[in-house]
């Protein structure tokens, strides 16, 4: 049984549309998946922006929320590592303001410095 030409074209368009939709979804989800991949390894990455703002999984968080977040991570898995990733323009004073939040925890904290800029 062969399909008429119009039905074959419609089927072909449907298949192409489905492939485009799947590719677009993959392009949207892949960066988020890569950002969260470290979490599956037991590393929680907190990004420190140049303006002093904090982001966790692309969501802004207040610095005052850090003690509760750290306590929750410690309760869930004491082997969790926290990585503080700095934007290139962050001043050292902003980083020093956050250090007391991490000192009260038994979790390991890594400081990820930005890549050096080439002149």
Protein backbone atom coordinates (compact mmCIF):
# COMPACT_ATOMS: atom_id res chain seq x y z
CA UNK A 1 0.00 0.00 0.00
CA UNK A 2 1.47 3.29 -1.07
CA UNK A 3 0.40 6.61 0.34
CA UNK A 4 -0.74 9.43 -1.90
CA UNK A 5 1.80 12.19 -2.52
CA UNK A 6 0.05 14.67 -0.20
CA UNK A 7 0.11 12.21 2.70
CA UNK A 8 3.78 11.38 2.13
CA UNK A 9 4.64 15.08 2.16
CA UNK A 10 2.61 15.61 5.33
CA UNK A 11 4.34 12.64 6.97
CA UNK A 12 7.74 13.96 5.89
CA UNK A 13 6.95 17.42 7.27
CA UNK A 14 5.81 15.86 10.54
CA UNK A 15 9.04 13.90 10.89
CA UNK A 16 11.15 16.97 10.11
CA UNK A 17 9.14 19.07 12.58
CA UNK A 18 9.60 16.46 15.28
CA UNK A 19 13.36 16.35 14.67
CA UNK A 20 13.59 20.16 14.83
CA UNK A 21 11.58 20.23 18.06
CA UNK A 22 13.80 17.56 19.63
CA UNK A 23 16.97 19.38 18.55
CA UNK A 24 15.69 22.70 19.94
CA UNK A 25 14.79 21.05 23.24
CA UNK A 26 18.24 19.47 23.44
CA UNK A 27 19.90 22.83 22.76
CA UNK A 28 17.87 24.41 25.56
CA UNK A 29 18.46 21.65 28.11
CA UNK A 30 22.09 20.75 27.39
CA UNK A 31 23.67 23.84 29.04
CA UNK A 32 21.53 23.37 32.15
CA UNK A 33 22.43 19.68 32.29
CA UNK A 34 26.13 20.53 32.04
CA UNK A 35 25.81 23.06 34.87
CA UNK A 36 24.16 20.48 37.09
CA UNK A 37 26.55 17.67 36.19
CA UNK A 38 28.91 18.73 38.98
CA UNK A 39 26.09 18.22 41.48
CA UNK A 40 25.90 14.54 40.61
CA UNK A 41 29.59 14.33 41.54
CA UNK A 42 28.85 15.85 44.96
CA UNK A 43 29.99 19.38 44.07
CA UNK A 44 27.59 22.29 44.47
CA UNK A 45 28.75 25.30 42.45
CA UNK A 46 27.76 28.77 43.65
CA UNK A 47 28.61 31.57 41.21
CA UNK A 48 29.65 34.95 42.59
CA UNK A 49 28.86 37.73 40.12
CA UNK A 50 30.78 41.00 39.77
CA UNK A 51 28.01 42.93 41.54
CA UNK A 52 28.21 40.60 44.57
CA UNK A 53 25.14 38.57 43.60
CA UNK A 54 25.11 34.81 44.09
CA UNK A 55 23.62 32.29 41.68
CA UNK A 56 22.91 28.62 42.29
CA UNK A 57 21.78 26.64 39.21
CA UNK A 58 20.95 29.88 37.36
CA UNK A 59 18.75 31.10 40.22
CA UNK A 60 19.74 34.16 42.24
CA UNK A 61 20.10 33.59 45.96
CA UNK A 62 20.62 36.06 48.78
CA UNK A 63 23.87 35.85 50.78
CA UNK A 64 21.76 35.60 53.94
CA UNK A 65 20.37 32.29 52.63
CA UNK A 66 23.84 30.71 52.62
CA UNK A 67 23.85 29.46 56.25
CA UNK A 68 20.53 27.63 55.76
CA UNK A 69 21.68 26.23 52.41
CA UNK A 70 24.98 25.03 53.86
CA UNK A 71 23.23 23.46 56.87
CA UNK A 72 20.82 21.63 54.56
CA UNK A 73 23.66 20.34 52.37
CA UNK A 74 25.50 19.16 55.47
CA UNK A 75 22.40 17.29 56.68
CA UNK A 76 21.73 15.67 53.29
CA UNK A 77 25.30 14.60 52.52
CA UNK A 78 28.27 15.54 54.71
CA UNK A 79 30.61 14.62 51.83
CA UNK A 80 29.31 17.42 49.62
CA UNK A 81 31.83 19.97 48.36
CA UNK A 82 30.92 23.59 47.75
CA UNK A 83 32.70 25.38 44.93
CA UNK A 84 32.56 29.18 44.90
CA UNK A 85 33.12 30.24 41.30
CA UNK A 86 34.15 33.88 40.88
CA UNK A 87 33.41 36.18 37.97
CA UNK A 88 36.53 37.94 36.62
CA UNK A 89 35.50 41.37 37.94
CA UNK A 90 34.81 40.31 41.55
CA UNK A 91 36.87 42.23 44.09
CA UNK A 92 38.59 40.30 46.85
CA UNK A 93 36.65 42.26 49.48
CA UNK A 94 33.37 40.75 48.27
CA UNK A 95 34.86 37.27 48.61
CA UNK A 96 36.11 38.03 52.13
CA UNK A 97 32.59 39.12 53.12
CA UNK A 98 31.31 35.62 52.24
CA UNK A 99 34.03 33.62 54.01
CA UNK A 100 32.33 33.72 57.46
CA UNK A 101 29.30 31.94 55.98
CA UNK A 102 31.50 29.02 54.93
CA UNK A 103 33.66 28.90 58.08
CA UNK A 104 30.72 27.75 60.19
CA UNK A 105 30.40 24.57 58.12
CA UNK A 106 32.24 21.27 58.14
CA UNK A 107 31.81 20.99 54.35
CA UNK A 108 34.83 21.37 52.09
CA UNK A 109 34.83 24.65 50.18
CA UNK A 110 36.76 25.22 46.95
CA UNK A 111 37.46 28.64 45.52
CA UNK A 112 37.46 28.63 41.72
CA UNK A 113 39.34 31.67 40.48
CA UNK A 114 38.48 33.08 37.06
CA UNK A 115 40.69 32.22 34.13
CA UNK A 116 43.46 34.78 33.58
CA UNK A 117 42.78 37.32 30.87
CA UNK A 118 45.18 37.54 27.98
CA UNK A 119 46.48 40.98 27.11
